[in-house]
Amino acid sequence: MRLSGNLEGEMETLNKEMSRLRMDKLGAWRISKVNENFELSPSYPRYVIVPAGITDQMLVEVAKFRGSRRFPAVVW
């Protein structure tokens, strides 16, 4: 149960940060769960902000040919 609460907290924090940066206003960005189990890119967080027009499947395909399986995402 505690892990689930932490995951919800992570998502809430990310949503607040998107709002603070006004990234939620135009629908150009979204939060992806593609790396939720750290299987796609172990060096990325479980939730990532990506362009809204890019599907999770596209991220999987792009990661196949990039160093450390990293894909385009908002980071700071």
PDB file of N, CA and C in Angstrom:
ATOM      1  N   MET A   1       0.820  -1.202   0.000  1.00  0.00           N
ATOM      2  CA  MET A   1       0.000   0.000   0.000  1.00  0.00           C
ATOM      3  C   MET A   1       0.860   1.260   0.000  1.00  0.00           C
ATOM      4  N   ARG A   2       1.902   1.262   0.741  1.00  0.00           N
ATOM      5  CA  ARG A   2       2.736   2.454   0.835  1.00  0.00           C
ATOM      6  C   ARG A   2       3.347   2.814  -0.510  1.00  0.00           C
ATOM      7  N   LEU A   3       3.764   1.811  -1.270  1.00  0.00           N
ATOM      8  CA  LEU A   3       4.339   2.064  -2.585  1.00  0.00           C
ATOM      9  C   LEU A   3       3.326   2.754  -3.476  1.00  0.00           C
ATOM     10  N   SER A   4       2.093   2.282  -3.460  1.00  0.00           N
ATOM     11  CA  SER A   4       1.038   2.897  -4.261  1.00  0.00           C
ATOM     12  C   SER A   4       0.873   4.364  -3.896  1.00  0.00           C
ATOM     13  N   GLY A   5       0.903   4.669  -2.610  1.00  0.00           N
ATOM     14  CA  GLY A   5       0.788   6.054  -2.176  1.00  0.00           C
ATOM     15  C   GLY A   5       1.933   6.903  -2.687  1.00  0.00           C
ATOM     16  N   ASN A   6       3.131   6.331  -2.697  1.00  0.00           N
ATOM     17  CA  ASN A   6       4.286   7.054  -3.217  1.00  0.00           C
ATOM     18  C   ASN A   6       4.130   7.323  -4.701  1.00  0.00           C
ATOM     19  N   LEU A   7       3.618   6.350  -5.439  1.00  0.00           N
ATOM     20  CA  LEU A   7       3.426   6.527  -6.875  1.00  0.00           C
ATOM     21  C   LEU A   7       2.406   7.621  -7.144  1.00  0.00           C
ATOM     22  N   GLU A   8       1.332   7.618  -6.384  1.00  0.00           N
ATOM     23  CA  GLU A   8       0.324   8.667  -6.534  1.00  0.00           C
ATOM     24  C   GLU A   8       0.929  10.024  -6.199  1.00  0.00           C
ATOM     25  N   GLY A   9       1.767  10.070  -5.196  1.00  0.00           N
ATOM     26  CA  GLY A   9       2.432  11.315  -4.821  1.00  0.00           C
ATOM     27  C   GLY A   9       3.358  11.819  -5.915  1.00  0.00           C
ATOM     28  N   GLU A  10       4.061  10.892  -6.565  1.00  0.00           N
ATOM     29  CA  GLU A  10       4.942  11.276  -7.670  1.00  0.00           C
ATOM     30  C   GLU A  10       4.132  11.894  -8.798  1.00  0.00           C
ATOM     31  N   MET A  11       3.010  11.271  -9.134  1.00  0.00           N
ATOM     32  CA  MET A  11       2.168  11.768 -10.222  1.00  0.00           C
ATOM     33  C   MET A  11       1.587  13.132  -9.856  1.00  0.00           C
ATOM     34  N   GLU A  12       1.156  13.291  -8.614  1.00  0.00           N
ATOM     35  CA  GLU A  12       0.606  14.571  -8.167  1.00  0.00           C
ATOM     36  C   GLU A  12       1.665  15.673  -8.237  1.00  0.00           C
ATOM     37  N   THR A  13       2.867  15.362  -7.808  1.00  0.00           N
ATOM     38  CA  THR A  13       3.964  16.330  -7.871  1.00  0.00           C
ATOM     39  C   THR A  13       4.248  16.737  -9.310  1.00  0.00           C
ATOM     40  N   LEU A  14       4.254  15.777 -10.209  1.00  0.00           N
ATOM     41  CA  LEU A  14       4.515  16.069 -11.616  1.00  0.00           C
ATOM     42  C   LEU A  14       3.397  16.919 -12.211  1.00  0.00           C
ATOM     43  N   ASN A  15       2.166  16.619 -11.875  1.00  0.00           N
ATOM     44  CA  ASN A  15       1.036  17.436 -12.345  1.00  0.00           C
ATOM     45  C   ASN A  15       1.145  18.873 -11.838  1.00  0.00           C
ATOM     46  N   LYS A  16       1.516  19.040 -10.581  1.00  0.00           N
ATOM     47  CA  LYS A  16       1.678  20.388 -10.020  1.00  0.00           C
ATOM     48  C   LYS A  16       2.797  21.138 -10.725  1.00  0.00           C
ATOM     49  N   GLU A  17       3.881  20.440 -11.016  1.00  0.00           N
ATOM     50  CA  GLU A  17       5.010  21.077 -11.685  1.00  0.00           C
ATOM     51  C   GLU A  17       4.625  21.488 -13.104  1.00  0.00           C
ATOM     52  N   MET A  18       3.882  20.638 -13.807  1.00  0.00           N
ATOM     53  CA  MET A  18       3.412  21.001 -15.147  1.00  0.00           C
ATOM     54  C   MET A  18       2.533  22.245 -15.085  1.00  0.00           C
ATOM     55  N   SER A  19       1.683  22.310 -14.084  1.00  0.00           N
ATOM     56  CA  SER A  19       0.811  23.467 -13.919  1.00  0.00           C
ATOM     57  C   SER A  19       1.624  24.721 -13.599  1.00  0.00           C
ATOM     58  N   ARG A  20       2.600  24.579 -12.707  1.00  0.00           N
ATOM     59  CA  ARG A  20       3.447  25.715 -12.331  1.00  0.00           C
ATOM     60  C   ARG A  20       4.176  26.281 -13.545  1.00  0.00           C
ATOM     61  N   LEU A  21       4.618  25.413 -14.426  1.00  0.00           N
ATOM     62  CA  LEU A  21       5.340  25.827 -15.629  1.00  0.00           C
ATOM     63  C   LEU A  21       4.401  26.168 -16.789  1.00  0.00           C
ATOM     64  N   ARG A  22       3.102  26.081 -16.520  1.00  0.00           N
ATOM     65  CA  ARG A  22       2.063  26.359 -17.514  1.00  0.00           C
ATOM     66  C   ARG A  22       2.145  25.436 -18.730  1.00  0.00           C
ATOM     67  N   MET A  23       2.637  24.256 -18.508  1.00  0.00           N
ATOM     68  CA  MET A  23       2.745  23.275 -19.586  1.00  0.00           C
ATOM     69  C   MET A  23       1.420  22.561 -19.826  1.00  0.00           C
ATOM     70  N   ASP A  24       0.476  22.759 -18.936  1.00  0.00           N
ATOM     71  CA  ASP A  24      -0.814  22.089 -19.055  1.00  0.00           C
ATOM     72  C   ASP A  24      -1.849  22.935 -19.794  1.00  0.00           C
ATOM     73  N   LYS A  25      -1.501  24.140 -20.190  1.00  0.00           N
ATOM     74  CA  LYS A  25      -2.474  25.082 -20.746  1.00  0.00           C
ATOM     75  C   LYS A  25      -2.862  24.813 -22.197  1.00  0.00           C
ATOM     76  N   LEU A  26      -1.924  24.482 -23.044  1.00  0.00           N
ATOM     77  CA  LEU A  26      -2.212  24.372 -24.471  1.00  0.00           C
ATOM     78  C   LEU A  26      -2.355  22.938 -24.957  1.00  0.00           C
ATOM     79  N   GLY A  27      -2.194  21.988 -24.081  1.00  0.00           N
ATOM     80  CA  GLY A  27      -2.319  20.592 -24.472  1.00  0.00           C
ATOM     81  C   GLY A  27      -1.160  20.080 -25.305  1.00  0.00           C
ATOM     82  N   ALA A  28      -0.033  20.778 -25.265  1.00  0.00           N
ATOM     83  CA  ALA A  28       1.124  20.373 -26.061  1.00  0.00           C
ATOM     84  C   ALA A  28       1.957  19.296 -25.365  1.00  0.00           C
ATOM     85  N   TRP A  29       1.732  19.099 -24.085  1.00  0.00           N
ATOM     86  CA  TRP A  29       2.519  18.157 -23.303  1.00  0.00           C
ATOM     87  C   TRP A  29       1.612  17.195 -22.556  1.00  0.00           C
ATOM     88  N   ARG A  30       2.155  16.036 -22.219  1.00  0.00           N
ATOM     89  CA  ARG A  30       1.409  15.057 -21.426  1.00  0.00           C
ATOM     90  C   ARG A  30       2.376  14.290 -20.539  1.00  0.00           C
ATOM     91  N   ILE A  31       1.838  13.632 -19.537  1.00  0.00           N
ATOM     92  CA  ILE A  31       2.643  12.773 -18.677  1.00  0.00           C
ATOM     93  C   ILE A  31       2.503  11.349 -19.189  1.00  0.00           C
ATOM     94  N   SER A  32       3.626  10.721 -19.448  1.00  0.00           N
ATOM     95  CA  SER A  32       3.636   9.341 -19.926  1.00  0.00           C
ATOM     96  C   SER A  32       4.051   8.403 -18.799  1.00  0.00           C
ATOM     97  N   LYS A  33       3.428   7.237 -18.773  1.00  0.00           N
ATOM     98  CA  LYS A  33       3.785   6.188 -17.815  1.00  0.00           C
ATOM     99  C   LYS A  33       4.601   5.086 -18.490  1.00  0.00           C
ATOM    100  N   VAL A  34       5.123   5.373 -19.692  1.00  0.00           N
ATOM    101  CA  VAL A  34       5.829   4.360 -20.481  1.00  0.00           C
ATOM    102  C   VAL A  34       7.014   3.749 -19.729  1.00  0.00           C
ATOM    103  N   ASN A  35       7.577   4.466 -18.797  1.00  0.00           N
ATOM    104  CA  ASN A  35       8.745   3.981 -18.055  1.00  0.00           C
ATOM    105  C   ASN A  35       8.395   3.642 -16.607  1.00  0.00           C
ATOM    106  N   GLU A  36       7.141   3.354 -16.360  1.00  0.00           N
ATOM    107  CA  GLU A  36       6.650   3.175 -14.993  1.00  0.00           C
ATOM    108  C   GLU A  36       7.442   2.139 -14.189  1.00  0.00           C
ATOM    109  N   ASN A  37       7.919   1.103 -14.842  1.00  0.00           N
ATOM    110  CA  ASN A  37       8.689   0.065 -14.148  1.00  0.00           C
ATOM    111  C   ASN A  37      10.188   0.169 -14.432  1.00  0.00           C
ATOM    112  N   PHE A  38      10.610   1.305 -14.969  1.00  0.00           N
ATOM    113  CA  PHE A  38      12.014   1.561 -15.306  1.00  0.00           C
ATOM    114  C   PHE A  38      12.566   0.556 -16.316  1.00  0.00           C
ATOM    115  N   GLU A  39      11.695  -0.072 -17.095  1.00  0.00           N
ATOM    116  CA  GLU A  39      12.136  -1.081 -18.057  1.00  0.00           C
ATOM    117  C   GLU A  39      12.572  -0.467 -19.380  1.00  0.00           C
ATOM    118  N   LEU A  40      11.991   0.640 -19.767  1.00  0.00           N
ATOM    119  CA  LEU A  40      12.356   1.245 -21.045  1.00  0.00           C
ATOM    120  C   LEU A  40      13.700   1.960 -20.936  1.00  0.00           C
ATOM    121  N   SER A  41      13.833   2.812 -19.949  1.00  0.00           N
ATOM    122  CA  SER A  41      15.085   3.550 -19.750  1.00  0.00           C
ATOM    123  C   SER A  41      15.364   3.642 -18.249  1.00  0.00           C
ATOM    124  N   PRO A  42      16.240   2.787 -17.747  1.00  0.00           N
ATOM    125  CA  PRO A  42      16.513   2.761 -16.307  1.00  0.00           C
ATOM    126  C   PRO A  42      17.004   4.089 -15.730  1.00  0.00           C
ATOM    127  N   SER A  43      17.555   4.960 -16.572  1.00  0.00           N
ATOM    128  CA  SER A  43      18.084   6.228 -16.063  1.00  0.00           C
ATOM    129  C   SER A  43      17.044   7.348 -16.040  1.00  0.00           C
ATOM    130  N   TYR A  44      15.840   7.081 -16.525  1.00  0.00           N
ATOM    131  CA  TYR A  44      14.757   8.071 -16.517  1.00  0.00           C
ATOM    132  C   TYR A  44      13.805   7.789 -15.356  1.00  0.00           C
ATOM    133  N   PRO A  45      13.081   8.803 -14.905  1.00  0.00           N
ATOM    134  CA  PRO A  45      12.082   8.574 -13.854  1.00  0.00           C
ATOM    135  C   PRO A  45      10.915   7.737 -14.389  1.00  0.00           C
ATOM    136  N   ARG A  46      10.086   7.234 -13.493  1.00  0.00           N
ATOM    137  CA  ARG A  46       8.976   6.372 -13.928  1.00  0.00           C
ATOM    138  C   ARG A  46       7.929   7.141 -14.733  1.00  0.00           C
ATOM    139  N   TYR A  47       7.734   8.411 -14.443  1.00  0.00           N
ATOM    140  CA  TYR A  47       6.795   9.241 -15.203  1.00  0.00           C
ATOM    141  C   TYR A  47       7.583  10.357 -15.868  1.00  0.00           C
ATOM    142  N   VAL A  48       7.301  10.603 -17.137  1.00  0.00           N
ATOM    143  CA  VAL A  48       8.038  11.620 -17.881  1.00  0.00           C
ATOM    144  C   VAL A  48       7.073  12.523 -18.637  1.00  0.00           C
ATOM    145  N   ILE A  49       7.476  13.768 -18.818  1.00  0.00           N
ATOM    146  CA  ILE A  49       6.694  14.723 -19.602  1.00  0.00           C
ATOM    147  C   ILE A  49       7.213  14.668 -21.032  1.00  0.00           C
ATOM    148  N   VAL A  50       6.288  14.423 -21.959  1.00  0.00           N
ATOM    149  CA  VAL A  50       6.648  14.289 -23.375  1.00  0.00           C
ATOM    150  C   VAL A  50       5.676  15.109 -24.219  1.00  0.00           C
ATOM    151  N   PRO A  51       6.047  15.395 -25.468  1.00  0.00           N
ATOM    152  CA  PRO A  51       5.102  16.090 -26.349  1.00  0.00           C
ATOM    153  C   PRO A  51       3.812  15.279 -26.495  1.00  0.00           C
ATOM    154  N   ALA A  52       2.680  15.942 -26.461  1.00  0.00           N
ATOM    155  CA  ALA A  52       1.382  15.266 -26.514  1.00  0.00           C
ATOM    156  C   ALA A  52       1.182  14.482 -27.804  1.00  0.00           C
ATOM    157  N   GLY A  53       1.814  14.910 -28.882  1.00  0.00           N
ATOM    158  CA  GLY A  53       1.642  14.241 -30.167  1.00  0.00           C
ATOM    159  C   GLY A  53       2.446  12.966 -30.335  1.00  0.00           C
ATOM    160  N   ILE A  54       3.223  12.603 -29.334  1.00  0.00           N
ATOM    161  CA  ILE A  54       4.037  11.395 -29.413  1.00  0.00           C
ATOM    162  C   ILE A  54       3.414  10.324 -28.525  1.00  0.00           C
ATOM    163  N   THR A  55       3.095   9.179 -29.125  1.00  0.00           N
ATOM    164  CA  THR A  55       2.488   8.080 -28.369  1.00  0.00           C
ATOM    165  C   THR A  55       3.552   7.317 -27.587  1.00  0.00           C
ATOM    166  N   ASP A  56       3.097   6.534 -26.622  1.00  0.00           N
ATOM    167  CA  ASP A  56       4.034   5.706 -25.868  1.00  0.00           C
ATOM    168  C   ASP A  56       4.726   4.707 -26.791  1.00  0.00           C
ATOM    169  N   GLN A  57       4.000   4.179 -27.768  1.00  0.00           N
ATOM    170  CA  GLN A  57       4.612   3.241 -28.709  1.00  0.00           C
ATOM    171  C   GLN A  57       5.733   3.919 -29.497  1.00  0.00           C
ATOM    172  N   MET A  58       5.537   5.162 -29.881  1.00  0.00           N
ATOM    173  CA  MET A  58       6.598   5.907 -30.569  1.00  0.00           C
ATOM    174  C   MET A  58       7.824   6.044 -29.671  1.00  0.00           C
ATOM    175  N   LEU A  59       7.608   6.313 -28.396  1.00  0.00           N
ATOM    176  CA  LEU A  59       8.727   6.434 -27.460  1.00  0.00           C
ATOM    177  C   LEU A  59       9.502   5.123 -27.362  1.00  0.00           C
ATOM    178  N   VAL A  60       8.783   4.016 -27.340  1.00  0.00           N
ATOM    179  CA  VAL A  60       9.424   2.699 -27.289  1.00  0.00           C
ATOM    180  C   VAL A  60      10.295   2.494 -28.523  1.00  0.00           C
ATOM    181  N   GLU A  61       9.768   2.830 -29.685  1.00  0.00           N
ATOM    182  CA  GLU A  61      10.513   2.657 -30.935  1.00  0.00           C
ATOM    183  C   GLU A  61      11.746   3.562 -30.981  1.00  0.00           C
ATOM    184  N   VAL A  62      11.592   4.806 -30.579  1.00  0.00           N
ATOM    185  CA  VAL A  62      12.712   5.750 -30.591  1.00  0.00           C
ATOM    186  C   VAL A  62      13.813   5.297 -29.630  1.00  0.00           C
ATOM    187  N   ALA A  63      13.423   4.795 -28.480  1.00  0.00           N
ATOM    188  CA  ALA A  63      14.398   4.381 -27.467  1.00  0.00           C
ATOM    189  C   ALA A  63      15.287   3.240 -27.957  1.00  0.00           C
ATOM    190  N   LYS A  64      14.808   2.469 -28.919  1.00  0.00           N
ATOM    191  CA  LYS A  64      15.573   1.317 -29.412  1.00  0.00           C
ATOM    192  C   LYS A  64      16.903   1.717 -30.032  1.00  0.00           C
ATOM    193  N   PHE A  65      16.974   2.895 -30.622  1.00  0.00           N
ATOM    194  CA  PHE A  65      18.210   3.268 -31.308  1.00  0.00           C
ATOM    195  C   PHE A  65      18.913   4.474 -30.691  1.00  0.00           C
ATOM    196  N   ARG A  66      18.565   4.806 -29.466  1.00  0.00           N
ATOM    197  CA  ARG A  66      19.221   5.934 -28.793  1.00  0.00           C
ATOM    198  C   ARG A  66      20.076   5.413 -27.641  1.00  0.00           C
ATOM    199  N   GLY A  67      21.140   6.146 -27.330  1.00  0.00           N
ATOM    200  CA  GLY A  67      22.040   5.767 -26.248  1.00  0.00           C
ATOM    201  C   GLY A  67      21.309   5.623 -24.927  1.00  0.00           C
ATOM    202  N   SER A  68      21.601   4.562 -24.207  1.00  0.00           N
ATOM    203  CA  SER A  68      20.981   4.260 -22.906  1.00  0.00           C
ATOM    204  C   SER A  68      19.462   4.201 -22.988  1.00  0.00           C
ATOM    205  N   ARG A  69      18.943   3.970 -24.192  1.00  0.00           N
ATOM    206  CA  ARG A  69      17.491   3.869 -24.441  1.00  0.00           C
ATOM    207  C   ARG A  69      16.751   5.127 -23.974  1.00  0.00           C
ATOM    208  N   ARG A  70      17.410   6.254 -24.086  1.00  0.00           N
ATOM    209  CA  ARG A  70      16.782   7.523 -23.709  1.00  0.00           C
ATOM    210  C   ARG A  70      15.961   8.047 -24.877  1.00  0.00           C
ATOM    211  N   PHE A  71      14.922   8.747 -24.566  1.00  0.00           N
ATOM    212  CA  PHE A  71      14.022   9.285 -25.584  1.00  0.00           C
ATOM    213  C   PHE A  71      13.748  10.746 -25.264  1.00  0.00           C
ATOM    214  N   PRO A  72      13.244  11.508 -26.231  1.00  0.00           N
ATOM    215  CA  PRO A  72      12.974  12.928 -25.986  1.00  0.00           C
ATOM    216  C   PRO A  72      11.944  13.116 -24.865  1.00  0.00           C
ATOM    217  N   ALA A  73      12.316  13.891 -23.867  1.00  0.00           N
ATOM    218  CA  ALA A  73      11.432  14.162 -22.735  1.00  0.00           C
ATOM    219  C   ALA A  73      11.874  15.460 -22.071  1.00  0.00           C
ATOM    220  N   VAL A  74      10.962  16.067 -21.329  1.00  0.00           N
ATOM    221  CA  VAL A  74      11.290  17.272 -20.566  1.00  0.00           C
ATOM    222  C   VAL A  74      12.043  16.832 -19.316  1.00  0.00           C
ATOM    223  N   VAL A  75      13.211  17.418 -19.115  1.00  0.00           N
ATOM    224  CA  VAL A  75      14.006  17.101 -17.925  1.00  0.00           C
ATOM    225  C   VAL A  75      14.558  18.388 -17.330  1.00  0.00           C
ATOM    226  N   TRP A  76      14.847  18.361 -16.035  1.00  0.00           N
ATOM    227  CA  TRP A  76      15.502  19.486 -15.381  1.00  0.00           C
ATOM    228  C   TRP A  76      16.134  19.018 -14.108  1.00  0.00           C
TER     229      TRP A  76
END
